[in-house]
Protein backbone atom coordinates (compact mmCIF):
# COMPACT_ATOMS: atom_id res chain seq x y z
CA MET A 1 37.13 -69.70 -3.04
CA PRO A 2 38.79 -69.88 -6.42
CA HIS A 3 42.07 -71.81 -6.52
CA LYS A 4 43.97 -68.66 -7.48
CA GLU A 5 42.96 -66.98 -4.22
CA LEU A 6 43.82 -70.05 -2.16
CA ALA A 7 47.22 -70.44 -3.81
CA ASP A 8 48.12 -66.72 -3.68
CA PRO A 9 51.21 -66.30 -1.49
CA VAL A 10 50.16 -62.82 -0.33
CA GLU A 11 49.32 -62.84 3.36
CA GLY A 12 46.02 -61.41 4.54
CA GLU A 13 45.32 -59.60 7.77
CA SER A 14 46.53 -61.17 10.97
CA SER A 15 43.99 -62.61 13.40
CA ALA A 16 44.95 -59.92 15.91
CA THR A 17 44.20 -57.16 13.40
CA ILE A 18 40.86 -58.69 12.50
CA ARG A 19 39.98 -59.16 16.17
CA ALA A 20 40.74 -55.50 16.91
CA ARG A 21 38.53 -54.41 14.01
CA VAL A 22 35.66 -56.64 15.17
CA GLU A 23 35.94 -55.41 18.76
CA ALA A 24 35.89 -51.79 17.54
CA ALA A 25 32.78 -52.50 15.43
CA ARG A 26 31.05 -54.14 18.40
CA THR A 27 31.82 -51.11 20.56
CA ILE A 28 30.38 -48.81 17.90
CA GLN A 29 27.23 -50.94 17.72
CA ARG A 30 26.77 -51.09 21.50
CA GLU A 31 27.11 -47.31 21.79
CA ARG A 32 24.76 -46.61 18.87
CA LEU A 33 22.13 -49.09 20.03
CA ALA A 34 22.31 -48.57 23.82
CA PRO A 35 19.50 -45.96 23.84
CA TYR A 36 17.22 -48.62 22.32
CA GLY A 37 18.20 -51.38 24.74
CA LEU A 38 19.97 -53.31 21.96
CA HIS A 39 23.56 -54.45 21.66
CA ALA A 40 24.07 -55.56 18.06
CA ASN A 41 22.87 -54.64 14.57
CA ALA A 42 21.26 -58.06 14.21
CA ALA A 43 18.77 -57.14 16.95
CA MET A 44 17.44 -54.07 15.14
CA ALA A 45 13.74 -53.96 14.28
CA ALA A 46 12.33 -52.14 11.25
CA ARG A 47 11.94 -48.88 13.18
CA HIS A 48 15.63 -48.99 14.19
CA ILE A 49 16.73 -49.80 10.66
CA ARG A 50 14.83 -46.81 9.24
CA LYS A 51 16.52 -44.50 11.73
CA LEU A 52 20.02 -45.99 11.92
CA CYS A 53 20.62 -47.26 8.38
CA PRO A 54 19.98 -44.30 6.09
CA LEU A 55 21.16 -44.63 2.50
CA ASP A 56 22.20 -41.91 0.12
CA GLU A 57 20.37 -41.62 -3.20
CA THR A 58 22.77 -43.97 -4.99
CA GLY A 59 22.38 -46.60 -2.28
CA GLN A 60 18.60 -46.29 -2.37
CA LYS A 61 18.56 -46.79 -6.14
CA LEU A 62 20.87 -49.82 -5.91
CA LEU A 63 18.77 -51.49 -3.23
CA GLU A 64 15.53 -50.68 -5.08
CA MET A 65 16.89 -52.22 -8.27
CA VAL A 66 18.00 -55.38 -6.45
CA VAL A 67 14.72 -55.77 -4.57
CA ASP A 68 12.68 -55.29 -7.75
CA LYS A 69 14.88 -57.58 -9.85
CA LEU A 70 15.17 -60.40 -7.32
CA GLY A 71 11.76 -60.00 -5.73
CA MET A 72 13.15 -59.90 -2.22
CA SER A 73 10.91 -59.96 0.82
CA ALA A 74 10.78 -57.29 3.51
CA ARG A 75 12.82 -59.64 5.69
CA SER A 76 15.56 -59.90 3.05
CA TYR A 77 15.56 -56.12 2.65
CA SER A 78 16.04 -55.69 6.40
CA ARG A 79 18.78 -58.29 6.54
CA ILE A 80 20.69 -56.58 3.73
CA LEU A 81 20.57 -53.27 5.57
CA LYS A 82 21.67 -54.85 8.87
CA VAL A 83 24.61 -56.55 7.18
CA ALA A 84 25.54 -53.38 5.30
CA ARG A 85 25.46 -51.46 8.61
CA THR A 86 27.82 -54.06 10.12
CA ILE A 87 30.17 -53.93 7.13
CA ALA A 88 30.32 -50.14 7.46
CA ASP A 89 31.02 -50.53 11.19
CA LEU A 90 33.87 -52.94 10.45
CA ALA A 91 35.29 -50.39 8.02
CA GLY A 92 35.01 -47.67 10.68
CA GLU A 93 32.56 -45.71 8.54
CA GLU A 94 29.73 -43.70 10.04
CA ASN A 95 27.52 -44.00 6.96
CA ILE A 96 26.57 -46.99 4.85
CA GLY A 97 28.27 -46.53 1.52
CA GLN A 98 27.47 -48.06 -1.83
CA MET A 99 30.36 -50.54 -1.44
CA HIS A 100 29.03 -51.71 1.95
CA LEU A 101 25.58 -52.17 0.48
CA ALA A 102 26.89 -54.01 -2.59
CA GLU A 103 28.86 -56.39 -0.38
CA ALA A 104 25.79 -57.10 1.76
CA ILE A 105 23.71 -57.74 -1.37
CA GLN A 106 26.38 -60.13 -2.64
CA TYR A 107 26.27 -62.10 0.63
CA ARG A 108 22.48 -62.29 0.41
CA GLY A 109 22.78 -63.60 -3.13
CA LEU A 110 25.19 -66.30 -1.96
CA ASP A 111 22.80 -67.16 0.87
CA ARG A 112 19.93 -67.56 -1.62
CA LYS A 113 22.05 -69.90 -3.80
CA ALA A 114 22.78 -72.10 -0.79
CA LEU A 115 19.07 -72.65 -0.24
C-alpha cells in the first residue's frame, strides 16, 4: 500500500461489518450453487461460469480486450470471472458489473506481477 493510504487517519470498515458482508456473500453463493452440489464460487467449472457469470456487452468488451492484450489463458479467464462474481456477491449485487470485473482484472494483474 502507498504510504499515504497507510498514514490516512480515516477509519475503514470495522471487522464486524466486513464479517457480516462476507457471511452474506457466502450465503448467496451457497444458495446459488446448491442445485449444482457446490458451495463457493471457487468451485465452479466452466459450465457453471457460463451460466452463472453472465456479462453485459460492456463487460464482455472489457474482458475481451484484456484477454487479447495480455494473452491470458482459459484458466485466467475463468479465475477473473469467479473473482468478479465474488466481488459482486460481496457488494450485494445480483449481476457482475463493469466495476466488479475491473477489480477482478486488477487482482489478476497483481497476481501475474508476483510470479
